[in-house]
């Protein structure tokens, strides 16, 4: 059930960020099919493109939960923002590959 909520929450976030973007901005920042863009960092945010398959991984879901706690569904970068140090994000995602 938690997986379904996480996936629905991510879809809600992604749907809002895409619908709010202008056509030219969307084309410039669009992720390839099968991937999603996330912004990671505490003070300075850096954009990463990750496979959507990560959404089903428990360690990535923990990052999504942290994001939901901090931002709800209102992400300041216009896309999914994950509030964790960049090195932790890299550590987690490198284990998922």
PDB file of N, CA and C in Angstrom:
ATOM      1  N   UNK A   1       0.824  -1.189   0.000  1.00  0.00           N
ATOM      2  CA  UNK A   1       0.000   0.000   0.000  1.00  0.00           C
ATOM      3  C   UNK A   1       0.871   1.257   0.000  1.00  0.00           C
ATOM      4  N   UNK A   2       1.979   1.222   0.762  1.00  0.00           N
ATOM      5  CA  UNK A   2       2.878   2.377   0.799  1.00  0.00           C
ATOM      6  C   UNK A   2       3.496   2.624  -0.567  1.00  0.00           C
ATOM      7  N   UNK A   3       3.798   1.538  -1.306  1.00  0.00           N
ATOM      8  CA  UNK A   3       4.351   1.675  -2.653  1.00  0.00           C
ATOM      9  C   UNK A   3       3.363   2.386  -3.556  1.00  0.00           C
ATOM     10  N   UNK A   4       2.102   2.020  -3.470  1.00  0.00           N
ATOM     11  CA  UNK A   4       1.073   2.641  -4.306  1.00  0.00           C
ATOM     12  C   UNK A   4       0.959   4.119  -3.970  1.00  0.00           C
ATOM     13  N   UNK A   5       0.969   4.458  -2.680  1.00  0.00           N
ATOM     14  CA  UNK A   5       0.907   5.867  -2.275  1.00  0.00           C
ATOM     15  C   UNK A   5       2.112   6.629  -2.787  1.00  0.00           C
ATOM     16  N   UNK A   6       3.308   6.053  -2.691  1.00  0.00           N
ATOM     17  CA  UNK A   6       4.520   6.717  -3.173  1.00  0.00           C
ATOM     18  C   UNK A   6       4.451   6.960  -4.667  1.00  0.00           C
ATOM     19  N   UNK A   7       4.005   5.948  -5.408  1.00  0.00           N
ATOM     20  CA  UNK A   7       3.903   6.095  -6.859  1.00  0.00           C
ATOM     21  C   UNK A   7       2.842   7.116  -7.234  1.00  0.00           C
ATOM     22  N   UNK A   8       1.706   7.093  -6.539  1.00  0.00           N
ATOM     23  CA  UNK A   8       0.661   8.074  -6.826  1.00  0.00           C
ATOM     24  C   UNK A   8       1.125   9.486  -6.468  1.00  0.00           C
ATOM     25  N   UNK A   9       1.842   9.597  -5.361  1.00  0.00           N
ATOM     26  CA  UNK A   9       2.383  10.906  -4.977  1.00  0.00           C
ATOM     27  C   UNK A   9       3.378  11.419  -5.994  1.00  0.00           C
ATOM     28  N   UNK A  10       4.251  10.549  -6.465  1.00  0.00           N
ATOM     29  CA  UNK A  10       5.235  10.955  -7.478  1.00  0.00           C
ATOM     30  C   UNK A  10       4.535  11.355  -8.767  1.00  0.00           C
ATOM     31  N   UNK A  11       3.498  10.600  -9.172  1.00  0.00           N
ATOM     32  CA  UNK A  11       2.752  10.940 -10.386  1.00  0.00           C
ATOM     33  C   UNK A  11       2.073  12.293 -10.230  1.00  0.00           C
ATOM     34  N   UNK A  12       1.545  12.578  -9.033  1.00  0.00           N
ATOM     35  CA  UNK A  12       0.883  13.852  -8.784  1.00  0.00           C
ATOM     36  C   UNK A  12       1.888  14.999  -8.898  1.00  0.00           C
ATOM     37  N   UNK A  13       3.073  14.809  -8.310  1.00  0.00           N
ATOM     38  CA  UNK A  13       4.129  15.822  -8.379  1.00  0.00           C
ATOM     39  C   UNK A  13       4.545  16.043  -9.823  1.00  0.00           C
ATOM     40  N   UNK A  14       4.809  14.955 -10.521  1.00  0.00           N
ATOM     41  CA  UNK A  14       5.264  15.052 -11.904  1.00  0.00           C
ATOM     42  C   UNK A  14       4.199  15.664 -12.792  1.00  0.00           C
ATOM     43  N   UNK A  15       2.948  15.305 -12.587  1.00  0.00           N
ATOM     44  CA  UNK A  15       1.863  15.860 -13.384  1.00  0.00           C
ATOM     45  C   UNK A  15       1.755  17.357 -13.210  1.00  0.00           C
ATOM     46  N   UNK A  16       1.905  17.840 -11.994  1.00  0.00           N
ATOM     47  CA  UNK A  16       1.851  19.280 -11.744  1.00  0.00           C
ATOM     48  C   UNK A  16       3.022  20.000 -12.372  1.00  0.00           C
ATOM     49  N   UNK A  17       4.217  19.428 -12.260  1.00  0.00           N
ATOM     50  CA  UNK A  17       5.384  20.127 -12.791  1.00  0.00           C
ATOM     51  C   UNK A  17       5.339  20.203 -14.310  1.00  0.00           C
ATOM     52  N   UNK A  18       4.823  19.164 -14.957  1.00  0.00           N
ATOM     53  CA  UNK A  18       4.733  19.182 -16.413  1.00  0.00           C
ATOM     54  C   UNK A  18       3.645  20.138 -16.869  1.00  0.00           C
ATOM     55  N   UNK A  19       2.483  20.120 -16.217  1.00  0.00           N
ATOM     56  CA  UNK A  19       1.392  20.975 -16.652  1.00  0.00           C
ATOM     57  C   UNK A  19       1.687  22.442 -16.386  1.00  0.00           C
ATOM     58  N   UNK A  20       2.498  22.737 -15.399  1.00  0.00           N
ATOM     59  CA  UNK A  20       2.813  24.123 -15.068  1.00  0.00           C
ATOM     60  C   UNK A  20       3.900  24.698 -15.965  1.00  0.00           C
ATOM     61  N   UNK A  21       4.669  23.862 -16.616  1.00  0.00           N
ATOM     62  CA  UNK A  21       5.790  24.338 -17.431  1.00  0.00           C
ATOM     63  C   UNK A  21       5.299  24.836 -18.790  1.00  0.00           C
ATOM     64  N   UNK A  22       5.990  25.840 -19.317  1.00  0.00           N
ATOM     65  CA  UNK A  22       5.669  26.294 -20.665  1.00  0.00           C
ATOM     66  C   UNK A  22       6.240  25.304 -21.669  1.00  0.00           C
ATOM     67  N   UNK A  23       5.775  25.351 -22.892  1.00  0.00           N
ATOM     68  CA  UNK A  23       6.203  24.396 -23.906  1.00  0.00           C
ATOM     69  C   UNK A  23       7.708  24.467 -24.142  1.00  0.00           C
ATOM     70  N   UNK A  24       8.259  25.658 -24.262  1.00  0.00           N
ATOM     71  CA  UNK A  24       9.698  25.766 -24.523  1.00  0.00           C
ATOM     72  C   UNK A  24      10.516  25.329 -23.315  1.00  0.00           C
ATOM     73  N   UNK A  25      10.063  25.672 -22.127  1.00  0.00           N
ATOM     74  CA  UNK A  25      10.772  25.262 -20.923  1.00  0.00           C
ATOM     75  C   UNK A  25      10.711  23.742 -20.774  1.00  0.00           C
ATOM     76  N   UNK A  26       9.549  23.153 -21.090  1.00  0.00           N
ATOM     77  CA  UNK A  26       9.376  21.711 -20.990  1.00  0.00           C
ATOM     78  C   UNK A  26      10.315  20.997 -21.951  1.00  0.00           C
ATOM     79  N   UNK A  27      10.448  21.526 -23.161  1.00  0.00           N
ATOM     80  CA  UNK A  27      11.323  20.891 -24.146  1.00  0.00           C
ATOM     81  C   UNK A  27      12.774  20.941 -23.692  1.00  0.00           C
ATOM     82  N   UNK A  28      13.176  22.029 -23.073  1.00  0.00           N
ATOM     83  CA  UNK A  28      14.562  22.188 -22.632  1.00  0.00           C
ATOM     84  C   UNK A  28      14.885  21.322 -21.423  1.00  0.00           C
ATOM     85  N   UNK A  29      13.896  21.088 -20.550  1.00  0.00           N
ATOM     86  CA  UNK A  29      14.184  20.355 -19.320  1.00  0.00           C
ATOM     87  C   UNK A  29      13.587  18.952 -19.298  1.00  0.00           C
ATOM     88  N   UNK A  30      13.018  18.501 -20.400  1.00  0.00           N
ATOM     89  CA  UNK A  30      12.372  17.188 -20.429  1.00  0.00           C
ATOM     90  C   UNK A  30      13.393  16.073 -20.260  1.00  0.00           C
ATOM     91  N   UNK A  31      12.989  15.068 -19.513  1.00  0.00           N
ATOM     92  CA  UNK A  31      13.831  13.885 -19.351  1.00  0.00           C
ATOM     93  C   UNK A  31      13.465  12.899 -20.458  1.00  0.00           C
ATOM     94  N   UNK A  32      14.401  12.067 -20.874  1.00  0.00           N
ATOM     95  CA  UNK A  32      14.092  11.055 -21.901  1.00  0.00           C
ATOM     96  C   UNK A  32      12.986  10.119 -21.419  1.00  0.00           C
ATOM     97  N   UNK A  33      12.314   9.490 -22.350  1.00  0.00           N
ATOM     98  CA  UNK A  33      11.246   8.555 -22.015  1.00  0.00           C
ATOM     99  C   UNK A  33      11.804   7.444 -21.107  1.00  0.00           C
ATOM    100  N   UNK A  34      11.075   7.151 -20.045  1.00  0.00           N
ATOM    101  CA  UNK A  34      11.504   6.124 -19.104  1.00  0.00           C
ATOM    102  C   UNK A  34      12.366   6.663 -17.973  1.00  0.00           C
ATOM    103  N   UNK A  35      12.565   7.976 -17.937  1.00  0.00           N
ATOM    104  CA  UNK A  35      13.385   8.614 -16.908  1.00  0.00           C
ATOM    105  C   UNK A  35      12.622   9.780 -16.299  1.00  0.00           C
ATOM    106  N   UNK A  36      13.068  10.230 -15.128  1.00  0.00           N
ATOM    107  CA  UNK A  36      12.503  11.428 -14.542  1.00  0.00           C
ATOM    108  C   UNK A  36      13.628  12.284 -13.989  1.00  0.00           C
ATOM    109  N   UNK A  37      13.396  13.582 -14.023  1.00  0.00           N
ATOM    110  CA  UNK A  37      14.383  14.520 -13.502  1.00  0.00           C
ATOM    111  C   UNK A  37      14.080  14.800 -12.038  1.00  0.00           C
ATOM    112  N   UNK A  38      15.118  14.811 -11.229  1.00  0.00           N
ATOM    113  CA  UNK A  38      14.987  15.163  -9.821  1.00  0.00           C
ATOM    114  C   UNK A  38      16.056  16.197  -9.497  1.00  0.00           C
ATOM    115  N   UNK A  39      15.755  17.036  -8.522  1.00  0.00           N
ATOM    116  CA  UNK A  39      16.706  18.044  -8.058  1.00  0.00           C
ATOM    117  C   UNK A  39      17.147  17.636  -6.671  1.00  0.00           C
ATOM    118  N   UNK A  40      18.457  17.569  -6.474  1.00  0.00           N
ATOM    119  CA  UNK A  40      19.022  17.028  -5.242  1.00  0.00           C
ATOM    120  C   UNK A  40      19.973  18.032  -4.625  1.00  0.00           C
ATOM    121  N   UNK A  41      19.952  18.105  -3.322  1.00  0.00           N
ATOM    122  CA  UNK A  41      20.888  18.948  -2.598  1.00  0.00           C
ATOM    123  C   UNK A  41      20.192  19.677  -1.473  1.00  0.00           C
ATOM    124  N   UNK A  42      20.984  20.279  -0.626  1.00  0.00           N
ATOM    125  CA  UNK A  42      20.414  21.015   0.498  1.00  0.00           C
ATOM    126  C   UNK A  42      20.401  22.510   0.166  1.00  0.00           C
ATOM    127  N   UNK A  43      21.534  23.130   0.032  1.00  0.00           N
ATOM    128  CA  UNK A  43      21.571  24.558  -0.299  1.00  0.00           C
ATOM    129  C   UNK A  43      21.485  24.764  -1.808  1.00  0.00           C
ATOM    130  N   UNK A  44      22.364  24.132  -2.536  1.00  0.00           N
ATOM    131  CA  UNK A  44      22.399  24.226  -4.004  1.00  0.00           C
ATOM    132  C   UNK A  44      21.796  22.952  -4.578  1.00  0.00           C
ATOM    133  N   UNK A  45      20.822  23.101  -5.452  1.00  0.00           N
ATOM    134  CA  UNK A  45      20.168  21.940  -6.056  1.00  0.00           C
ATOM    135  C   UNK A  45      20.814  21.595  -7.389  1.00  0.00           C
ATOM    136  N   UNK A  46      21.051  20.302  -7.604  1.00  0.00           N
ATOM    137  CA  UNK A  46      21.623  19.823  -8.853  1.00  0.00           C
ATOM    138  C   UNK A  46      20.637  18.865  -9.495  1.00  0.00           C
ATOM    139  N   UNK A  47      20.469  18.968 -10.808  1.00  0.00           N
ATOM    140  CA  UNK A  47      19.499  18.144 -11.538  1.00  0.00           C
ATOM    141  C   UNK A  47      20.129  16.801 -11.922  1.00  0.00           C
ATOM    142  N   UNK A  48      19.388  15.729 -11.635  1.00  0.00           N
ATOM    143  CA  UNK A  48      19.783  14.383 -12.038  1.00  0.00           C
ATOM    144  C   UNK A  48      18.622  13.767 -12.812  1.00  0.00           C
ATOM    145  N   UNK A  49      18.931  12.905 -13.760  1.00  0.00           N
ATOM    146  CA  UNK A  49      17.921  12.166 -14.500  1.00  0.00           C
ATOM    147  C   UNK A  49      18.090  10.702 -14.124  1.00  0.00           C
ATOM    148  N   UNK A  50      17.022  10.122 -13.567  1.00  0.00           N
ATOM    149  CA  UNK A  50      17.088   8.743 -13.075  1.00  0.00           C
ATOM    150  C   UNK A  50      16.011   7.901 -13.752  1.00  0.00           C
ATOM    151  N   UNK A  51      16.245   6.598 -13.883  1.00  0.00           N
ATOM    152  CA  UNK A  51      15.228   5.714 -14.475  1.00  0.00           C
ATOM    153  C   UNK A  51      13.984   5.657 -13.591  1.00  0.00           C
ATOM    154  N   UNK A  52      12.810   5.586 -14.207  1.00  0.00           N
ATOM    155  CA  UNK A  52      11.584   5.504 -13.410  1.00  0.00           C
ATOM    156  C   UNK A  52      11.507   4.197 -12.622  1.00  0.00           C
ATOM    157  N   UNK A  53      12.287   3.212 -13.003  1.00  0.00           N
ATOM    158  CA  UNK A  53      12.310   1.950 -12.251  1.00  0.00           C
ATOM    159  C   UNK A  53      12.759   2.177 -10.805  1.00  0.00           C
ATOM    160  N   UNK A  54      13.471   3.256 -10.534  1.00  0.00           N
ATOM    161  CA  UNK A  54      13.903   3.563  -9.171  1.00  0.00           C
ATOM    162  C   UNK A  54      12.710   3.808  -8.251  1.00  0.00           C
ATOM    163  N   UNK A  55      11.572   4.224  -8.809  1.00  0.00           N
ATOM    164  CA  UNK A  55      10.398   4.525  -7.989  1.00  0.00           C
ATOM    165  C   UNK A  55       9.913   3.323  -7.202  1.00  0.00           C
ATOM    166  N   UNK A  56      10.223   2.126  -7.661  1.00  0.00           N
ATOM    167  CA  UNK A  56       9.769   0.919  -6.955  1.00  0.00           C
ATOM    168  C   UNK A  56      10.783   0.401  -5.940  1.00  0.00           C
ATOM    169  N   UNK A  57      11.930   1.043  -5.832  1.00  0.00           N
ATOM    170  CA  UNK A  57      12.977   0.597  -4.920  1.00  0.00           C
ATOM    171  C   UNK A  57      12.790   1.207  -3.527  1.00  0.00           C
ATOM    172  N   UNK A  58      12.821   0.395  -2.471  1.00  0.00           N
ATOM    173  CA  UNK A  58      12.604   0.901  -1.110  1.00  0.00           C
ATOM    174  C   UNK A  58      13.543   2.051  -0.713  1.00  0.00           C
ATOM    175  N   UNK A  59      14.801   1.993  -1.099  1.00  0.00           N
ATOM    176  CA  UNK A  59      15.729   3.061  -0.707  1.00  0.00           C
ATOM    177  C   UNK A  59      15.377   4.378  -1.401  1.00  0.00           C
ATOM    178  N   UNK A  60      14.918   4.313  -2.647  1.00  0.00           N
ATOM    179  CA  UNK A  60      14.512   5.527  -3.361  1.00  0.00           C
ATOM    180  C   UNK A  60      13.174   6.028  -2.808  1.00  0.00           C
ATOM    181  N   UNK A  61      12.306   5.105  -2.420  1.00  0.00           N
ATOM    182  CA  UNK A  61      11.034   5.495  -1.814  1.00  0.00           C
ATOM    183  C   UNK A  61      11.255   6.241  -0.498  1.00  0.00           C
ATOM    184  N   UNK A  62      12.297   5.880   0.222  1.00  0.00           N
ATOM    185  CA  UNK A  62      12.628   6.595   1.461  1.00  0.00           C
ATOM    186  C   UNK A  62      12.984   8.046   1.142  1.00  0.00           C
ATOM    187  N   UNK A  63      13.709   8.261   0.036  1.00  0.00           N
ATOM    188  CA  UNK A  63      14.028   9.631  -0.387  1.00  0.00           C
ATOM    189  C   UNK A  63      12.755  10.384  -0.769  1.00  0.00           C
ATOM    190  N   UNK A  64      11.832   9.700  -1.449  1.00  0.00           N
ATOM    191  CA  UNK A  64      10.564  10.324  -1.830  1.00  0.00           C
ATOM    192  C   UNK A  64       9.747  10.707  -0.597  1.00  0.00           C
ATOM    193  N   UNK A  65       9.771   9.856   0.417  1.00  0.00           N
ATOM    194  CA  UNK A  65       9.049  10.165   1.661  1.00  0.00           C
ATOM    195  C   UNK A  65       9.628  11.394   2.330  1.00  0.00           C
ATOM    196  N   UNK A  66      10.940  11.490   2.337  1.00  0.00           N
ATOM    197  CA  UNK A  66      11.601  12.660   2.919  1.00  0.00           C
ATOM    198  C   UNK A  66      11.202  13.922   2.151  1.00  0.00           C
ATOM    199  N   UNK A  67      11.129  13.799   0.840  1.00  0.00           N
ATOM    200  CA  UNK A  67      10.722  14.917  -0.003  1.00  0.00           C
ATOM    201  C   UNK A  67       9.283  15.326   0.292  1.00  0.00           C
ATOM    202  N   UNK A  68       8.410  14.342   0.433  1.00  0.00           N
ATOM    203  CA  UNK A  68       7.001  14.626   0.722  1.00  0.00           C
ATOM    204  C   UNK A  68       6.844  15.312   2.077  1.00  0.00           C
ATOM    205  N   UNK A  69       7.612  14.862   3.074  1.00  0.00           N
ATOM    206  CA  UNK A  69       7.552  15.474   4.406  1.00  0.00           C
ATOM    207  C   UNK A  69       7.954  16.939   4.354  1.00  0.00           C
ATOM    208  N   UNK A  70       8.990  17.239   3.581  1.00  0.00           N
ATOM    209  CA  UNK A  70       9.501  18.607   3.547  1.00  0.00           C
ATOM    210  C   UNK A  70       8.702  19.524   2.634  1.00  0.00           C
ATOM    211  N   UNK A  71       8.312  19.029   1.455  1.00  0.00           N
ATOM    212  CA  UNK A  71       7.692  19.894   0.462  1.00  0.00           C
ATOM    213  C   UNK A  71       6.230  19.607   0.191  1.00  0.00           C
ATOM    214  N   UNK A  72       5.716  18.461   0.626  1.00  0.00           N
ATOM    215  CA  UNK A  72       4.367  18.077   0.220  1.00  0.00           C
ATOM    216  C   UNK A  72       4.367  17.892  -1.283  1.00  0.00           C
ATOM    217  N   UNK A  73       3.439  18.536  -1.961  1.00  0.00           N
ATOM    218  CA  UNK A  73       3.401  18.444  -3.417  1.00  0.00           C
ATOM    219  C   UNK A  73       3.745  19.782  -4.054  1.00  0.00           C
ATOM    220  N   UNK A  74       4.349  20.687  -3.301  1.00  0.00           N
ATOM    221  CA  UNK A  74       4.738  21.998  -3.807  1.00  0.00           C
ATOM    222  C   UNK A  74       6.261  22.072  -3.838  1.00  0.00           C
ATOM    223  N   UNK A  75       6.842  21.730  -4.979  1.00  0.00           N
ATOM    224  CA  UNK A  75       8.298  21.684  -5.095  1.00  0.00           C
ATOM    225  C   UNK A  75       8.814  22.979  -5.707  1.00  0.00           C
ATOM    226  N   UNK A  76       9.734  23.651  -5.018  1.00  0.00           N
ATOM    227  CA  UNK A  76      10.208  24.963  -5.450  1.00  0.00           C
ATOM    228  C   UNK A  76      10.942  24.974  -6.796  1.00  0.00           C
ATOM    229  N   UNK A  77      11.509  23.847  -7.198  1.00  0.00           N
ATOM    230  CA  UNK A  77      12.269  23.813  -8.441  1.00  0.00           C
ATOM    231  C   UNK A  77      11.370  23.526  -9.654  1.00  0.00           C
ATOM    232  N   UNK A  78      10.090  23.258  -9.407  1.00  0.00           N
ATOM    233  CA  UNK A  78       9.182  22.935 -10.498  1.00  0.00           C
ATOM    234  C   UNK A  78       9.190  21.457 -10.852  1.00  0.00           C
ATOM    235  N   UNK A  79      10.087  20.715 -10.276  1.00  0.00           N
ATOM    236  CA  UNK A  79      10.182  19.272 -10.468  1.00  0.00           C
ATOM    237  C   UNK A  79      10.361  18.622  -9.121  1.00  0.00           C
ATOM    238  N   UNK A  80      10.532  17.346  -9.105  1.00  0.00           N
ATOM    239  CA  UNK A  80      10.691  16.604  -7.864  1.00  0.00           C
ATOM    240  C   UNK A  80      12.003  17.002  -7.192  1.00  0.00           C
ATOM    241  N   UNK A  81      11.915  17.547  -5.981  1.00  0.00           N
ATOM    242  CA  UNK A  81      13.093  17.985  -5.233  1.00  0.00           C
ATOM    243  C   UNK A  81      13.320  17.037  -4.069  1.00  0.00           C
ATOM    244  N   UNK A  82      14.535  16.519  -3.966  1.00  0.00           N
ATOM    245  CA  UNK A  82      14.877  15.597  -2.890  1.00  0.00           C
ATOM    246  C   UNK A  82      15.865  16.300  -1.962  1.00  0.00           C
ATOM    247  N   UNK A  83      15.430  16.584  -0.731  1.00  0.00           N
ATOM    248  CA  UNK A  83      16.260  17.352   0.203  1.00  0.00           C
ATOM    249  C   UNK A  83      17.247  16.481   0.975  1.00  0.00           C
ATOM    250  N   UNK A  84      18.305  16.066   0.300  1.00  0.00           N
ATOM    251  CA  UNK A  84      19.340  15.311   0.985  1.00  0.00           C
ATOM    252  C   UNK A  84      20.684  15.714   0.379  1.00  0.00           C
ATOM    253  N   UNK A  85      21.755  15.487   1.106  1.00  0.00           N
ATOM    254  CA  UNK A  85      23.066  15.806   0.536  1.00  0.00           C
ATOM    255  C   UNK A  85      23.300  15.014  -0.749  1.00  0.00           C
ATOM    256  N   UNK A  86      23.950  15.648  -1.686  1.00  0.00           N
ATOM    257  CA  UNK A  86      24.198  15.040  -2.992  1.00  0.00           C
ATOM    258  C   UNK A  86      24.948  13.712  -2.875  1.00  0.00           C
ATOM    259  N   UNK A  87      25.928  13.628  -1.978  1.00  0.00           N
ATOM    260  CA  UNK A  87      26.710  12.391  -1.857  1.00  0.00           C
ATOM    261  C   UNK A  87      25.855  11.216  -1.373  1.00  0.00           C
ATOM    262  N   UNK A  88      24.854  11.481  -0.551  1.00  0.00           N
ATOM    263  CA  UNK A  88      23.961  10.408  -0.096  1.00  0.00           C
ATOM    264  C   UNK A  88      23.098   9.928  -1.257  1.00  0.00           C
ATOM    265  N   UNK A  89      22.568  10.867  -2.051  1.00  0.00           N
ATOM    266  CA  UNK A  89      21.770  10.509  -3.222  1.00  0.00           C
ATOM    267  C   UNK A  89      22.594   9.662  -4.189  1.00  0.00           C
ATOM    268  N   UNK A  90      23.814  10.062  -4.443  1.00  0.00           N
ATOM    269  CA  UNK A  90      24.696   9.313  -5.353  1.00  0.00           C
ATOM    270  C   UNK A  90      24.979   7.923  -4.793  1.00  0.00           C
ATOM    271  N   UNK A  91      25.217   7.838  -3.502  1.00  0.00           N
ATOM    272  CA  UNK A  91      25.462   6.551  -2.856  1.00  0.00           C
ATOM    273  C   UNK A  91      24.257   5.616  -3.032  1.00  0.00           C
ATOM    274  N   UNK A  92      23.072   6.119  -2.769  1.00  0.00           N
ATOM    275  CA  UNK A  92      21.854   5.300  -2.876  1.00  0.00           C
ATOM    276  C   UNK A  92      21.609   4.870  -4.322  1.00  0.00           C
ATOM    277  N   UNK A  93      21.655   5.823  -5.240  1.00  0.00           N
ATOM    278  CA  UNK A  93      21.354   5.479  -6.637  1.00  0.00           C
ATOM    279  C   UNK A  93      22.426   4.604  -7.274  1.00  0.00           C
ATOM    280  N   UNK A  94      23.665   4.727  -6.824  1.00  0.00           N
ATOM    281  CA  UNK A  94      24.707   3.872  -7.398  1.00  0.00           C
ATOM    282  C   UNK A  94      24.485   2.406  -7.009  1.00  0.00           C
ATOM    283  N   UNK A  95      23.881   2.170  -5.867  1.00  0.00           N
ATOM    284  CA  UNK A  95      23.558   0.805  -5.451  1.00  0.00           C
ATOM    285  C   UNK A  95      22.357   0.253  -6.212  1.00  0.00           C
ATOM    286  N   UNK A  96      21.539   1.121  -6.782  1.00  0.00           N
ATOM    287  CA  UNK A  96      20.358   0.686  -7.534  1.00  0.00           C
ATOM    288  C   UNK A  96      20.692   0.291  -8.956  1.00  0.00           C
ATOM    289  N   UNK A  97      21.815   0.753  -9.457  1.00  0.00           N
ATOM    290  CA  UNK A  97      22.192   0.462 -10.832  1.00  0.00           C
ATOM    291  C   UNK A  97      22.677  -0.943 -10.879  1.00  0.00           C
TER     292      UNK A  97
END
